[in-house]
Amino acid sequence: MPARPTRAGRRSASALALCFAAGAAAGAAWAAQAVVTQKDKAFSTQRLDLRPGDTLLIQNEDTRAHNIQVTHPLLTYNSGLQEPGANERIAFQRPGDYLVYCGIHPKMKLRVKVQ
């Protein structure tokens, strides 16, 4: 028959579980996801503020394809052809000022500030 844990052992296990749960919740609280849509050859906003670790979800609600790009010393991203109905996710890990743009429609620009 297995040995029964001591009261101190049960407290240690409970404290460890509580620390793990708190750490997981804190991590989830720091990372967020912002959603921007594309329609009529335009982003739904022209400026966005994020924190390091946040993700930008870009939803193509347009009737045409787009090509999402970011060219920055800290982040290079090229979605390739983003068909109508498709989503793209871009993670911004480091602080900086980023320009997100469409390689097909040059007037489509979104400025992202990560701080």
Protein backbone atom coordinates (compact mmCIF):
# COMPACT_ATOMS: atom_id res chain seq x y z
CA MET A 1 0.00 0.00 0.00
CA PRO A 2 1.47 3.43 -0.95
CA ALA A 3 2.51 5.78 1.83
CA ARG A 4 0.10 8.54 2.66
CA PRO A 5 1.52 12.05 2.03
CA THR A 6 2.27 14.12 5.10
CA ARG A 7 0.45 17.36 5.80
CA ALA A 8 3.60 19.33 4.85
CA GLY A 9 3.85 17.37 1.59
CA ARG A 10 0.23 18.13 0.73
CA ARG A 11 0.79 21.84 1.45
CA SER A 12 3.87 21.90 -0.77
CA ALA A 13 1.99 20.21 -3.61
CA SER A 14 -0.92 22.65 -3.22
CA ALA A 15 1.42 25.64 -3.20
CA LEU A 16 3.20 24.36 -6.31
CA ALA A 17 -0.12 23.88 -8.13
CA LEU A 18 -1.22 27.39 -7.13
CA CYS A 19 2.06 28.92 -8.37
CA PHE A 20 1.74 27.05 -11.67
CA ALA A 21 -1.85 28.23 -12.17
CA ALA A 22 -0.95 31.83 -11.30
CA GLY A 23 2.00 31.77 -13.68
CA ALA A 24 -0.09 30.37 -16.51
CA ALA A 25 -2.78 33.00 -15.93
CA ALA A 26 -0.21 35.80 -15.84
CA GLY A 27 1.33 34.63 -19.09
CA ALA A 28 -2.06 34.54 -20.75
CA ALA A 29 -2.81 38.04 -19.48
CA TRP A 30 0.32 39.51 -21.10
CA ALA A 31 -0.15 38.17 -24.63
CA ALA A 32 -3.11 39.53 -26.53
CA GLN A 33 -4.46 39.31 -30.03
CA ALA A 34 -5.62 42.36 -31.98
CA VAL A 35 -7.91 41.84 -34.96
CA VAL A 36 -7.79 44.01 -38.07
CA THR A 37 -9.92 43.38 -41.14
CA GLN A 38 -9.35 44.20 -44.80
CA LYS A 39 -12.19 45.37 -47.00
CA ASP A 40 -12.45 47.62 -50.06
CA LYS A 41 -8.65 47.69 -50.37
CA ALA A 42 -8.23 49.17 -46.86
CA PHE A 43 -7.37 48.06 -43.33
CA SER A 44 -10.08 48.65 -40.71
CA THR A 45 -7.64 50.93 -38.84
CA GLN A 46 -4.49 52.79 -39.82
CA ARG A 47 -2.78 52.69 -36.41
CA LEU A 48 -2.49 50.07 -33.70
CA ASP A 49 -0.68 49.89 -30.34
CA LEU A 50 0.52 46.50 -29.10
CA ARG A 51 2.73 45.11 -26.36
CA PRO A 52 5.69 42.81 -26.95
CA GLY A 53 4.40 39.27 -27.45
CA ASP A 54 1.04 40.37 -28.85
CA THR A 55 -0.28 38.94 -32.11
CA LEU A 56 -1.99 40.76 -34.95
CA LEU A 57 -4.70 38.75 -36.72
CA ILE A 58 -5.50 40.14 -40.17
CA GLN A 59 -8.77 38.88 -41.66
CA ASN A 60 -9.36 39.29 -45.39
CA GLU A 61 -13.03 40.24 -45.67
CA ASP A 62 -12.44 41.70 -49.11
CA THR A 63 -13.49 40.29 -52.49
CA ARG A 64 -9.89 40.37 -53.69
CA ALA A 65 -6.57 38.87 -52.65
CA HIS A 66 -3.95 40.79 -50.64
CA ASN A 67 -0.27 40.34 -49.79
CA ILE A 68 0.54 41.30 -46.20
CA GLN A 69 4.13 42.39 -45.64
CA VAL A 70 6.32 43.78 -42.87
CA THR A 71 9.86 44.89 -43.62
CA HIS A 72 11.69 45.95 -40.46
CA PRO A 73 15.13 45.15 -38.98
CA LEU A 74 13.38 43.24 -36.14
CA LEU A 75 10.68 41.52 -38.22
CA THR A 76 10.29 40.47 -41.83
CA TYR A 77 6.97 38.97 -42.89
CA ASN A 78 5.41 38.12 -46.25
CA SER A 79 2.06 36.32 -46.32
CA GLY A 80 2.24 35.42 -49.97
CA LEU A 81 -1.16 35.62 -51.66
CA GLN A 82 -3.88 36.03 -49.00
CA GLU A 83 -7.13 34.95 -50.61
CA PRO A 84 -10.54 36.35 -49.59
CA GLY A 85 -11.67 34.75 -46.32
CA ALA A 86 -8.12 33.87 -45.26
CA ASN A 87 -6.46 35.00 -42.01
CA GLU A 88 -2.85 35.91 -41.30
CA ARG A 89 -1.21 36.07 -37.86
CA ILE A 90 1.87 38.15 -37.14
CA ALA A 91 3.57 38.00 -33.72
CA PHE A 92 5.32 41.18 -32.58
CA GLN A 93 7.95 40.11 -30.05
CA ARG A 94 10.04 43.27 -29.70
CA PRO A 95 9.31 46.98 -29.18
CA GLY A 96 9.44 49.20 -32.24
CA ASP A 97 7.46 51.04 -34.91
CA TYR A 98 6.39 48.69 -37.70
CA LEU A 99 4.70 49.30 -41.04
CA VAL A 100 2.30 46.58 -42.18
CA TYR A 101 1.30 46.99 -45.81
CA CYS A 102 -0.20 45.23 -48.82
CA GLY A 103 2.28 44.39 -51.54
CA ILE A 104 -0.53 44.47 -54.12
CA HIS A 105 -2.36 47.65 -53.03
CA PRO A 106 0.30 50.23 -52.03
CA LYS A 107 -2.20 52.59 -50.33
CA MET A 108 -3.05 49.92 -47.74
CA LYS A 109 -0.88 50.76 -44.74
CA LEU A 110 -1.14 50.01 -41.03
CA ARG A 111 1.29 51.46 -38.50
CA VAL A 112 1.91 49.22 -35.48
CA LYS A 113 3.66 50.59 -32.39
CA VAL A 114 4.91 47.93 -29.98
CA GLN A 115 5.87 49.21 -26.51
